[in-house]
């Protein structure tokens, strides 16, 4: 059985939501960040960065929310959280799955810290462009891939939920409101929210 290392009110939410979407049993291992549980040798053997979430699946261990999404979606193909190999939609799935940590999260940090960088120097370009691109991609919906819900929605939806609803760093837009309403209506999102609230 997979073990998910998590902590309340953290980026663990995306992994909790993911695991709830699979419908498969998993063990939640509460990682007490205030007590320094993420700095123990045992935990650092699972995630040397000392962050949550992390996942162990037998002898396989990994961290980083998008990597966990990709791994779990492949381990449980019956959950249909990723387009199969050979499906042309898989290219956009991978793009959006990694857009979340590669563009959305850095854009959130840029907005929160008000750090100015030349857009050519920042891997994500600039925060306003990141959210403009997401706005356009979500106009049709209902999901980031159109009619198909995937683990990419978990990554993108979690990031937008933090940026727009929880921390109000980014002004809402009609496409964001519709998308986040669709995400939060999913039973797995609701179960993960209860768990993540601690």
N, C-alpha and C. Protein backbone atom coordinates (compact mmCIF):
# COMPACT_ATOMS: atom_id res chain seq x y z
N UNK A 1 0.84 -1.19 0.00
CA UNK A 1 0.00 0.00 0.00
C UNK A 1 0.89 1.25 0.00
N UNK A 2 0.50 2.23 -0.79
CA UNK A 2 1.25 3.48 -0.85
C UNK A 2 1.12 4.24 0.47
N UNK A 3 2.22 4.90 0.83
CA UNK A 3 2.22 5.77 2.01
C UNK A 3 2.43 7.20 1.53
N UNK A 4 1.53 8.08 1.94
CA UNK A 4 1.64 9.49 1.60
C UNK A 4 2.05 10.26 2.85
N UNK A 5 3.20 10.92 2.77
CA UNK A 5 3.70 11.75 3.86
C UNK A 5 3.18 13.16 3.62
N UNK A 6 2.48 13.69 4.60
CA UNK A 6 1.78 14.95 4.40
C UNK A 6 1.75 15.76 5.69
N UNK A 7 1.31 16.98 5.56
CA UNK A 7 1.11 17.85 6.71
C UNK A 7 -0.05 18.79 6.40
N UNK A 8 -0.87 19.13 7.39
CA UNK A 8 -2.02 20.00 7.13
C UNK A 8 -1.60 21.38 6.62
N UNK A 9 -2.47 21.98 5.82
CA UNK A 9 -2.31 23.36 5.32
C UNK A 9 -0.97 23.56 4.60
N UNK A 10 -0.62 22.58 3.77
CA UNK A 10 0.61 22.67 2.97
C UNK A 10 0.30 22.25 1.54
N UNK A 11 1.35 22.18 0.73
CA UNK A 11 1.20 21.70 -0.65
C UNK A 11 0.81 20.23 -0.71
N UNK A 12 0.75 19.59 0.43
CA UNK A 12 0.30 18.19 0.47
C UNK A 12 -1.11 18.03 -0.07
N UNK A 13 -1.87 19.13 -0.11
CA UNK A 13 -3.26 19.04 -0.54
C UNK A 13 -3.37 18.37 -1.91
N UNK A 14 -2.50 18.73 -2.84
CA UNK A 14 -2.60 18.16 -4.19
C UNK A 14 -2.43 16.63 -4.15
N UNK A 15 -1.51 16.14 -3.33
CA UNK A 15 -1.30 14.69 -3.24
C UNK A 15 -2.46 14.01 -2.53
N UNK A 16 -3.03 14.66 -1.53
CA UNK A 16 -4.21 14.10 -0.86
C UNK A 16 -5.37 13.99 -1.86
N UNK A 17 -5.59 15.07 -2.60
CA UNK A 17 -6.67 15.08 -3.59
C UNK A 17 -6.44 13.97 -4.61
N UNK A 18 -5.20 13.85 -5.09
CA UNK A 18 -4.84 12.82 -6.06
C UNK A 18 -5.17 11.43 -5.53
N UNK A 19 -4.72 11.15 -4.32
CA UNK A 19 -4.94 9.82 -3.77
C UNK A 19 -6.43 9.54 -3.57
N UNK A 20 -7.17 10.55 -3.18
CA UNK A 20 -8.62 10.39 -3.04
C UNK A 20 -9.28 10.12 -4.40
N UNK A 21 -8.77 10.74 -5.45
CA UNK A 21 -9.33 10.51 -6.81
C UNK A 21 -9.09 9.09 -7.29
N UNK A 22 -8.03 8.44 -6.84
CA UNK A 22 -7.75 7.08 -7.32
C UNK A 22 -8.79 6.08 -6.82
N UNK A 23 -9.36 6.35 -5.67
CA UNK A 23 -10.27 5.38 -5.08
C UNK A 23 -9.56 4.18 -4.46
N UNK A 24 -8.25 4.22 -4.41
CA UNK A 24 -7.46 3.12 -3.87
C UNK A 24 -7.09 3.40 -2.41
N UNK A 25 -6.95 2.35 -1.60
CA UNK A 25 -6.51 2.58 -0.21
C UNK A 25 -5.07 3.07 -0.18
N UNK A 26 -4.78 3.93 0.76
CA UNK A 26 -3.42 4.41 0.97
C UNK A 26 -3.28 4.78 2.43
N UNK A 27 -2.06 4.82 2.90
CA UNK A 27 -1.80 5.19 4.29
C UNK A 27 -1.32 6.64 4.33
N UNK A 28 -1.93 7.43 5.19
CA UNK A 28 -1.48 8.81 5.40
C UNK A 28 -0.53 8.82 6.58
N UNK A 29 0.66 9.38 6.36
CA UNK A 29 1.64 9.49 7.43
C UNK A 29 1.80 10.97 7.73
N UNK A 30 1.23 11.39 8.86
CA UNK A 30 1.29 12.79 9.26
C UNK A 30 2.73 13.16 9.58
N UNK A 31 3.21 14.22 8.95
CA UNK A 31 4.59 14.67 9.13
C UNK A 31 4.51 16.01 9.86
N UNK A 32 4.87 16.00 11.13
CA UNK A 32 4.75 17.19 11.99
C UNK A 32 5.90 18.15 11.70
N UNK A 33 5.63 19.14 10.87
CA UNK A 33 6.67 20.09 10.47
C UNK A 33 7.15 20.93 11.65
N UNK A 34 6.24 21.28 12.54
CA UNK A 34 6.61 22.11 13.69
C UNK A 34 7.59 21.38 14.61
N UNK A 35 7.47 20.05 14.66
CA UNK A 35 8.36 19.25 15.50
C UNK A 35 9.63 18.84 14.77
N UNK A 36 9.75 19.21 13.49
CA UNK A 36 10.95 18.89 12.73
C UNK A 36 10.98 17.49 12.15
N UNK A 37 9.80 16.85 12.02
CA UNK A 37 9.76 15.48 11.49
C UNK A 37 10.34 15.39 10.09
N UNK A 38 10.29 16.47 9.33
CA UNK A 38 10.80 16.46 7.96
C UNK A 38 12.33 16.53 7.92
N UNK A 39 12.97 16.71 9.08
CA UNK A 39 14.44 16.79 9.10
C UNK A 39 15.09 15.55 9.69
N UNK A 40 14.30 14.54 10.01
CA UNK A 40 14.88 13.32 10.57
C UNK A 40 15.59 12.54 9.47
N UNK A 41 16.60 11.76 9.82
CA UNK A 41 17.27 10.94 8.80
C UNK A 41 16.31 10.02 8.06
N UNK A 42 15.32 9.49 8.76
CA UNK A 42 14.36 8.58 8.13
C UNK A 42 13.56 9.30 7.05
N UNK A 43 13.12 10.52 7.37
CA UNK A 43 12.34 11.25 6.38
C UNK A 43 13.21 11.75 5.24
N UNK A 44 14.41 12.22 5.55
CA UNK A 44 15.31 12.71 4.51
C UNK A 44 15.72 11.59 3.55
N UNK A 45 15.65 10.34 3.99
CA UNK A 45 15.92 9.21 3.09
C UNK A 45 14.81 9.10 2.05
N UNK A 46 13.60 9.55 2.39
CA UNK A 46 12.48 9.53 1.44
C UNK A 46 12.50 10.79 0.57
N UNK A 47 12.69 11.94 1.20
CA UNK A 47 12.77 13.21 0.47
C UNK A 47 13.91 14.04 1.03
N UNK A 48 15.06 14.04 0.36
CA UNK A 48 16.23 14.77 0.86
C UNK A 48 16.00 16.28 0.96
N UNK A 49 14.96 16.79 0.30
CA UNK A 49 14.65 18.22 0.41
C UNK A 49 13.93 18.54 1.71
N UNK A 50 13.45 17.52 2.40
CA UNK A 50 12.79 17.75 3.68
C UNK A 50 11.48 18.50 3.57
N UNK A 51 10.73 18.23 2.50
CA UNK A 51 9.44 18.90 2.28
C UNK A 51 8.35 17.84 2.17
N UNK A 52 7.11 18.31 2.28
CA UNK A 52 5.96 17.45 1.99
C UNK A 52 5.28 18.02 0.76
N UNK A 53 4.61 17.18 -0.02
CA UNK A 53 4.36 15.76 0.19
C UNK A 53 5.51 14.90 -0.31
N UNK A 54 5.48 13.66 0.16
CA UNK A 54 6.37 12.61 -0.36
C UNK A 54 5.56 11.32 -0.37
N UNK A 55 6.04 10.37 -1.14
CA UNK A 55 5.29 9.13 -1.32
C UNK A 55 6.25 7.95 -1.31
N UNK A 56 5.82 6.86 -0.66
CA UNK A 56 6.57 5.61 -0.80
C UNK A 56 5.59 4.55 -1.28
N UNK A 57 6.09 3.73 -2.16
CA UNK A 57 5.32 2.65 -2.76
C UNK A 57 6.23 1.44 -2.77
N UNK A 58 6.20 0.67 -1.69
CA UNK A 58 7.17 -0.41 -1.57
C UNK A 58 8.56 0.19 -1.45
N UNK A 59 9.45 -0.22 -2.35
CA UNK A 59 10.82 0.31 -2.31
C UNK A 59 10.97 1.61 -3.08
N UNK A 60 9.96 1.99 -3.82
CA UNK A 60 10.00 3.25 -4.59
C UNK A 60 9.60 4.41 -3.70
N UNK A 61 10.40 5.48 -3.74
CA UNK A 61 10.06 6.70 -3.02
C UNK A 61 10.23 7.89 -3.96
N UNK A 62 9.39 8.89 -3.77
CA UNK A 62 9.52 10.10 -4.56
C UNK A 62 8.86 11.26 -3.84
N UNK A 63 9.17 12.45 -4.32
CA UNK A 63 8.59 13.67 -3.79
C UNK A 63 8.29 14.58 -4.98
N UNK A 64 7.85 15.78 -4.68
CA UNK A 64 7.40 16.79 -5.64
C UNK A 64 6.01 16.41 -6.13
N UNK A 65 5.07 17.31 -5.90
CA UNK A 65 3.65 17.02 -6.15
C UNK A 65 3.38 16.59 -7.58
N UNK A 66 3.97 17.27 -8.57
CA UNK A 66 3.71 16.89 -9.97
C UNK A 66 4.27 15.51 -10.28
N UNK A 67 5.42 15.18 -9.72
CA UNK A 67 5.99 13.85 -9.93
C UNK A 67 5.11 12.79 -9.29
N UNK A 68 4.58 13.09 -8.11
CA UNK A 68 3.67 12.16 -7.44
C UNK A 68 2.41 11.98 -8.29
N UNK A 69 1.90 13.07 -8.84
CA UNK A 69 0.73 12.97 -9.73
C UNK A 69 1.01 12.05 -10.91
N UNK A 70 2.14 12.26 -11.57
CA UNK A 70 2.49 11.45 -12.74
C UNK A 70 2.64 9.99 -12.37
N UNK A 71 3.33 9.73 -11.27
CA UNK A 71 3.59 8.36 -10.84
C UNK A 71 2.29 7.62 -10.49
N UNK A 72 1.47 8.25 -9.66
CA UNK A 72 0.24 7.61 -9.20
C UNK A 72 -0.74 7.41 -10.36
N UNK A 73 -0.82 8.38 -11.25
CA UNK A 73 -1.71 8.24 -12.42
C UNK A 73 -1.31 7.04 -13.27
N UNK A 74 -0.02 6.77 -13.38
CA UNK A 74 0.44 5.61 -14.14
C UNK A 74 0.26 4.31 -13.38
N UNK A 75 0.41 4.37 -12.04
CA UNK A 75 0.26 3.16 -11.23
C UNK A 75 -1.19 2.68 -11.19
N UNK A 76 -2.12 3.64 -11.29
CA UNK A 76 -3.54 3.30 -11.23
C UNK A 76 -4.24 3.77 -12.51
N UNK A 77 -3.95 3.12 -13.64
CA UNK A 77 -4.55 3.56 -14.90
C UNK A 77 -6.07 3.47 -14.90
N UNK A 78 -6.61 2.58 -14.08
CA UNK A 78 -8.07 2.44 -14.02
C UNK A 78 -8.76 3.70 -13.47
N UNK A 79 -8.00 4.57 -12.79
CA UNK A 79 -8.57 5.82 -12.28
C UNK A 79 -8.71 6.87 -13.39
N UNK A 80 -8.08 6.61 -14.53
CA UNK A 80 -8.16 7.50 -15.70
C UNK A 80 -7.77 8.93 -15.38
N UNK A 81 -6.62 9.06 -14.72
CA UNK A 81 -6.12 10.39 -14.36
C UNK A 81 -5.08 10.90 -15.34
N UNK A 82 -4.78 10.11 -16.37
CA UNK A 82 -3.82 10.53 -17.39
C UNK A 82 -4.21 9.90 -18.72
N UNK A 83 -4.11 10.67 -19.81
CA UNK A 83 -4.32 10.05 -21.13
C UNK A 83 -3.27 8.97 -21.35
N UNK A 84 -3.63 7.86 -21.96
CA UNK A 84 -2.66 6.78 -22.15
C UNK A 84 -1.57 7.15 -23.15
N UNK A 85 -0.47 6.41 -23.09
CA UNK A 85 0.60 6.58 -24.07
C UNK A 85 0.02 6.46 -25.47
N UNK A 86 0.46 7.32 -26.36
CA UNK A 86 -0.04 7.29 -27.73
C UNK A 86 -1.23 8.20 -27.98
N UNK A 87 -1.92 8.61 -26.92
CA UNK A 87 -3.04 9.54 -27.07
C UNK A 87 -2.48 10.94 -27.29
N UNK A 88 -2.89 11.64 -28.35
CA UNK A 88 -2.36 12.98 -28.60
C UNK A 88 -2.60 13.95 -27.45
N UNK A 89 -3.63 13.70 -26.64
CA UNK A 89 -3.93 14.57 -25.50
C UNK A 89 -2.86 14.49 -24.41
N UNK A 90 -2.06 13.42 -24.46
CA UNK A 90 -1.02 13.24 -23.43
C UNK A 90 0.00 14.37 -23.45
N UNK A 91 0.28 14.93 -24.61
CA UNK A 91 1.26 16.03 -24.70
C UNK A 91 0.78 17.22 -23.87
N UNK A 92 -0.48 17.61 -24.04
CA UNK A 92 -1.02 18.74 -23.26
C UNK A 92 -1.15 18.37 -21.79
N UNK A 93 -1.47 17.13 -21.50
CA UNK A 93 -1.53 16.68 -20.11
C UNK A 93 -0.19 16.90 -19.41
N UNK A 94 0.89 16.45 -20.04
CA UNK A 94 2.21 16.62 -19.45
C UNK A 94 2.58 18.09 -19.34
N UNK A 95 2.24 18.86 -20.38
CA UNK A 95 2.52 20.30 -20.36
C UNK A 95 1.88 20.95 -19.13
N UNK A 96 0.58 20.73 -18.93
CA UNK A 96 -0.12 21.38 -17.83
C UNK A 96 0.28 20.81 -16.47
N UNK A 97 0.57 19.51 -16.43
CA UNK A 97 1.01 18.91 -15.17
C UNK A 97 2.26 19.60 -14.64
N UNK A 98 3.18 19.91 -15.55
CA UNK A 98 4.43 20.54 -15.13
C UNK A 98 4.38 22.07 -15.20
N UNK A 99 3.35 22.62 -15.80
CA UNK A 99 3.13 24.06 -15.78
C UNK A 99 2.86 24.53 -14.35
N UNK A 100 2.18 23.68 -13.58
CA UNK A 100 1.83 24.04 -12.20
C UNK A 100 3.08 24.36 -11.37
N UNK A 101 4.04 23.43 -11.22
CA UNK A 101 5.22 23.78 -10.41
C UNK A 101 6.22 24.67 -11.15
N UNK A 102 6.23 24.59 -12.49
CA UNK A 102 7.22 25.35 -13.25
C UNK A 102 6.85 26.79 -13.51
N UNK A 103 5.53 27.08 -13.50
CA UNK A 103 5.08 28.45 -13.80
C UNK A 103 4.15 29.01 -12.73
N UNK A 104 3.12 28.25 -12.34
CA UNK A 104 2.14 28.78 -11.39
C UNK A 104 2.78 29.06 -10.04
N UNK A 105 3.51 28.09 -9.48
CA UNK A 105 4.11 28.31 -8.15
C UNK A 105 5.12 29.46 -8.15
N UNK A 106 6.05 29.53 -9.12
CA UNK A 106 6.96 30.68 -9.11
C UNK A 106 6.24 32.01 -9.32
N UNK A 107 5.19 32.00 -10.13
CA UNK A 107 4.41 33.24 -10.33
C UNK A 107 3.76 33.67 -9.02
N UNK A 108 3.26 32.70 -8.25
CA UNK A 108 2.67 33.02 -6.95
C UNK A 108 3.72 33.64 -6.03
N UNK A 109 4.91 33.08 -6.02
CA UNK A 109 5.99 33.62 -5.18
C UNK A 109 6.35 35.04 -5.64
N UNK A 110 6.41 35.22 -6.96
CA UNK A 110 6.72 36.55 -7.49
C UNK A 110 5.67 37.57 -7.04
N UNK A 111 4.40 37.20 -7.12
CA UNK A 111 3.32 38.11 -6.71
C UNK A 111 3.42 38.39 -5.21
N UNK A 112 3.62 37.34 -4.42
CA UNK A 112 3.64 37.49 -2.96
C UNK A 112 4.82 38.32 -2.48
N UNK A 113 5.97 38.15 -3.12
CA UNK A 113 7.18 38.85 -2.67
C UNK A 113 7.42 40.17 -3.40
N UNK A 114 6.66 40.38 -4.48
CA UNK A 114 6.82 41.58 -5.32
C UNK A 114 8.24 41.72 -5.89
N UNK A 115 8.88 40.56 -6.10
CA UNK A 115 10.21 40.55 -6.69
C UNK A 115 10.09 40.84 -8.18
N UNK A 116 10.86 41.78 -8.65
CA UNK A 116 10.88 42.11 -10.08
C UNK A 116 12.07 41.44 -10.73
N UNK A 117 11.82 40.75 -11.82
CA UNK A 117 12.88 40.10 -12.59
C UNK A 117 12.60 40.34 -14.05
N UNK A 118 13.65 40.46 -14.86
CA UNK A 118 13.40 40.52 -16.30
C UNK A 118 12.73 39.21 -16.73
N UNK A 119 11.67 39.31 -17.53
CA UNK A 119 10.93 38.10 -17.90
C UNK A 119 11.78 37.09 -18.67
N UNK A 120 12.80 37.56 -19.35
CA UNK A 120 13.67 36.63 -20.08
C UNK A 120 14.57 35.85 -19.12
N UNK A 121 14.76 36.36 -17.90
CA UNK A 121 15.62 35.67 -16.94
C UNK A 121 14.85 34.67 -16.08
N UNK A 122 13.54 34.86 -15.95
CA UNK A 122 12.72 33.99 -15.12
C UNK A 122 12.20 32.82 -15.95
N UNK A 123 12.38 31.62 -15.46
CA UNK A 123 11.93 30.43 -16.18
C UNK A 123 10.43 30.44 -16.46
N UNK A 124 9.66 31.13 -15.63
CA UNK A 124 8.20 31.19 -15.82
C UNK A 124 7.77 32.41 -16.61
N UNK A 125 8.72 33.23 -17.02
CA UNK A 125 8.41 34.45 -17.77
C UNK A 125 8.02 35.55 -16.81
N UNK A 126 6.73 35.83 -16.69
CA UNK A 126 6.26 36.83 -15.72
C UNK A 126 4.91 36.39 -15.18
N UNK A 127 4.61 36.78 -13.97
CA UNK A 127 3.40 36.32 -13.29
C UNK A 127 2.14 36.64 -14.08
N UNK A 128 2.03 37.85 -14.58
CA UNK A 128 0.79 38.22 -15.27
C UNK A 128 0.56 37.34 -16.50
N UNK A 129 1.62 37.01 -17.19
CA UNK A 129 1.49 36.15 -18.38
C UNK A 129 1.06 34.74 -17.98
N UNK A 130 1.61 34.23 -16.88
CA UNK A 130 1.23 32.89 -16.41
C UNK A 130 -0.28 32.82 -16.22
N UNK A 131 -0.84 33.82 -15.54
CA UNK A 131 -2.27 33.78 -15.24
C UNK A 131 -3.12 34.11 -16.46
N UNK A 132 -2.57 34.91 -17.38
CA UNK A 132 -3.28 35.14 -18.65
C UNK A 132 -3.36 33.86 -19.48
N UNK A 133 -2.27 33.10 -19.52
CA UNK A 133 -2.24 31.84 -20.26
C UNK A 133 -3.24 30.85 -19.66
N UNK A 134 -3.26 30.77 -18.33
CA UNK A 134 -4.22 29.88 -17.67
C UNK A 134 -5.65 30.31 -17.94
N UNK A 135 -5.89 31.61 -17.90
CA UNK A 135 -7.23 32.14 -18.15
C UNK A 135 -7.72 31.69 -19.53
N UNK A 136 -6.88 31.86 -20.53
CA UNK A 136 -7.25 31.48 -21.89
C UNK A 136 -7.48 29.97 -22.00
N UNK A 137 -6.61 29.19 -21.35
CA UNK A 137 -6.72 27.72 -21.42
C UNK A 137 -7.98 27.21 -20.74
N UNK A 138 -8.47 27.94 -19.75
CA UNK A 138 -9.62 27.48 -18.99
C UNK A 138 -10.94 28.05 -19.48
N UNK A 139 -10.89 28.90 -20.51
CA UNK A 139 -12.11 29.56 -21.01
C UNK A 139 -13.19 28.56 -21.42
N UNK A 140 -12.78 27.49 -22.12
CA UNK A 140 -13.77 26.54 -22.64
C UNK A 140 -14.16 25.52 -21.59
N UNK A 141 -13.17 24.94 -20.92
CA UNK A 141 -13.42 23.99 -19.86
C UNK A 141 -14.19 22.75 -20.31
N UNK A 142 -14.71 21.98 -19.40
CA UNK A 142 -14.69 22.31 -17.98
C UNK A 142 -13.34 22.09 -17.31
N UNK A 143 -12.44 21.33 -17.95
CA UNK A 143 -11.14 21.00 -17.36
C UNK A 143 -10.02 21.57 -18.22
N UNK A 144 -8.81 21.46 -17.75
CA UNK A 144 -7.65 22.02 -18.47
C UNK A 144 -7.46 21.31 -19.82
N UNK A 145 -7.90 20.04 -19.92
CA UNK A 145 -7.83 19.31 -21.19
C UNK A 145 -9.17 19.30 -21.92
N UNK A 146 -10.06 20.18 -21.54
CA UNK A 146 -11.39 20.22 -22.16
C UNK A 146 -12.36 19.35 -21.40
N UNK A 147 -12.84 18.28 -22.02
CA UNK A 147 -13.84 17.42 -21.39
C UNK A 147 -13.23 16.38 -20.45
N UNK A 148 -11.90 16.25 -20.48
CA UNK A 148 -11.23 15.18 -19.74
C UNK A 148 -10.60 15.68 -18.46
N UNK A 149 -11.06 15.20 -17.30
CA UNK A 149 -10.42 15.49 -16.02
C UNK A 149 -9.16 14.63 -15.92
N UNK A 150 -8.08 15.20 -15.37
CA UNK A 150 -6.82 14.46 -15.24
C UNK A 150 -6.05 14.94 -14.02
N UNK A 151 -4.95 14.28 -13.76
CA UNK A 151 -4.06 14.70 -12.68
C UNK A 151 -3.52 16.11 -12.92
N UNK A 152 -3.49 16.55 -14.17
CA UNK A 152 -3.07 17.93 -14.45
C UNK A 152 -4.04 18.92 -13.80
N UNK A 153 -5.32 18.57 -13.73
CA UNK A 153 -6.28 19.43 -13.05
C UNK A 153 -6.01 19.48 -11.55
N UNK A 154 -5.52 18.40 -11.01
CA UNK A 154 -5.18 18.39 -9.58
C UNK A 154 -4.02 19.36 -9.34
N UNK A 155 -3.01 19.31 -10.18
CA UNK A 155 -1.86 20.21 -10.03
C UNK A 155 -2.25 21.67 -10.27
N UNK A 156 -2.95 21.93 -11.37
CA UNK A 156 -3.36 23.30 -11.70
C UNK A 156 -4.41 23.79 -10.71
N UNK A 157 -5.41 22.96 -10.43
CA UNK A 157 -6.49 23.35 -9.52
C UNK A 157 -5.98 23.65 -8.12
N UNK A 158 -5.04 22.86 -7.63
CA UNK A 158 -4.47 23.11 -6.30
C UNK A 158 -3.74 24.45 -6.27
N UNK A 159 -2.93 24.71 -7.31
CA UNK A 159 -2.20 25.97 -7.37
C UNK A 159 -3.12 27.18 -7.45
N UNK A 160 -4.13 27.09 -8.31
CA UNK A 160 -5.08 28.20 -8.43
C UNK A 160 -5.89 28.38 -7.16
N UNK A 161 -6.25 27.29 -6.52
CA UNK A 161 -6.99 27.38 -5.28
C UNK A 161 -6.20 28.17 -4.23
N UNK A 162 -4.91 27.87 -4.11
CA UNK A 162 -4.04 28.61 -3.20
C UNK A 162 -3.95 30.08 -3.61
N UNK A 163 -3.69 30.33 -4.88
CA UNK A 163 -3.43 31.69 -5.35
C UNK A 163 -4.66 32.59 -5.32
N UNK A 164 -5.81 32.02 -5.70
CA UNK A 164 -7.02 32.84 -5.87
C UNK A 164 -7.91 32.80 -4.63
N UNK A 165 -8.20 31.60 -4.13
CA UNK A 165 -9.19 31.49 -3.05
C UNK A 165 -8.59 31.60 -1.66
N UNK A 166 -7.54 30.83 -1.39
CA UNK A 166 -7.03 30.78 -0.02
C UNK A 166 -6.20 32.00 0.36
N UNK A 167 -5.27 32.39 -0.51
CA UNK A 167 -4.37 33.49 -0.16
C UNK A 167 -4.69 34.79 -0.88
N UNK A 168 -5.63 34.73 -1.81
CA UNK A 168 -6.07 35.93 -2.54
C UNK A 168 -4.89 36.76 -3.08
N UNK A 169 -3.91 36.06 -3.59
CA UNK A 169 -2.73 36.71 -4.20
C UNK A 169 -3.03 37.18 -5.61
N UNK A 170 -3.91 36.44 -6.27
CA UNK A 170 -4.22 36.68 -7.67
C UNK A 170 -5.70 37.01 -7.78
N UNK A 171 -6.04 38.10 -8.45
CA UNK A 171 -7.46 38.42 -8.61
C UNK A 171 -8.18 37.31 -9.38
N UNK A 172 -9.41 37.05 -8.96
CA UNK A 172 -10.18 36.03 -9.63
C UNK A 172 -10.61 36.51 -11.01
N UNK A 173 -10.92 35.57 -11.87
CA UNK A 173 -11.43 35.83 -13.21
C UNK A 173 -12.58 34.86 -13.43
N UNK A 174 -13.50 35.16 -14.33
CA UNK A 174 -14.62 34.24 -14.54
C UNK A 174 -14.19 32.79 -14.83
N UNK A 175 -13.15 32.62 -15.63
CA UNK A 175 -12.71 31.25 -15.94
C UNK A 175 -12.16 30.56 -14.70
N UNK A 176 -11.46 31.31 -13.84
CA UNK A 176 -10.92 30.73 -12.61
C UNK A 176 -12.06 30.35 -11.67
N UNK A 177 -13.05 31.23 -11.53
CA UNK A 177 -14.18 30.95 -10.64
C UNK A 177 -14.92 29.69 -11.07
N UNK A 178 -15.19 29.57 -12.37
CA UNK A 178 -15.90 28.40 -12.89
C UNK A 178 -15.09 27.13 -12.66
N UNK A 179 -13.79 27.21 -12.97
CA UNK A 179 -12.90 26.05 -12.84
C UNK A 179 -12.78 25.62 -11.39
N UNK A 180 -12.55 26.57 -10.50
CA UNK A 180 -12.38 26.22 -9.09
C UNK A 180 -13.69 25.69 -8.50
N UNK A 181 -14.82 26.18 -8.98
CA UNK A 181 -16.10 25.63 -8.54
C UNK A 181 -16.23 24.17 -8.99
N UNK A 182 -15.81 23.88 -10.22
CA UNK A 182 -15.86 22.50 -10.72
C UNK A 182 -14.92 21.60 -9.92
N UNK A 183 -13.72 22.11 -9.62
CA UNK A 183 -12.76 21.32 -8.82
C UNK A 183 -13.33 21.04 -7.44
N UNK A 184 -13.82 22.09 -6.77
CA UNK A 184 -14.28 21.93 -5.39
C UNK A 184 -15.57 21.12 -5.29
N UNK A 185 -16.27 20.93 -6.41
CA UNK A 185 -17.47 20.09 -6.41
C UNK A 185 -17.14 18.61 -6.46
N UNK A 186 -15.91 18.27 -6.78
CA UNK A 186 -15.53 16.86 -6.87
C UNK A 186 -15.48 16.25 -5.46
N UNK A 187 -16.09 15.09 -5.26
CA UNK A 187 -16.07 14.47 -3.93
C UNK A 187 -14.65 14.24 -3.40
N UNK A 188 -13.72 13.88 -4.27
CA UNK A 188 -12.34 13.66 -3.83
C UNK A 188 -11.71 14.95 -3.32
N UNK A 189 -11.99 16.07 -3.97
CA UNK A 189 -11.50 17.38 -3.51
C UNK A 189 -12.07 17.67 -2.13
N UNK A 190 -13.34 17.40 -1.95
CA UNK A 190 -13.99 17.67 -0.67
C UNK A 190 -13.41 16.81 0.45
N UNK A 191 -13.17 15.53 0.15
CA UNK A 191 -12.56 14.65 1.17
C UNK A 191 -11.15 15.12 1.51
N UNK A 192 -10.37 15.49 0.49
CA UNK A 192 -9.01 15.98 0.72
C UNK A 192 -9.02 17.26 1.53
N UNK A 193 -9.99 18.12 1.29
CA UNK A 193 -10.09 19.38 2.05
C UNK A 193 -10.30 19.12 3.53
N UNK A 194 -11.15 18.16 3.83
CA UNK A 194 -11.40 17.82 5.23
C UNK A 194 -10.13 17.28 5.88
N UNK A 195 -9.44 16.39 5.16
CA UNK A 195 -8.19 15.81 5.69
C UNK A 195 -7.15 16.92 5.88
N UNK A 196 -6.97 17.77 4.87
CA UNK A 196 -5.92 18.79 4.89
C UNK A 196 -6.16 19.85 5.95
N UNK A 197 -7.41 20.04 6.35
CA UNK A 197 -7.71 21.03 7.37
C UNK A 197 -7.16 20.61 8.73
N UNK A 198 -6.79 19.33 8.82
CA UNK A 198 -6.19 18.82 10.05
C UNK A 198 -7.25 18.53 11.06
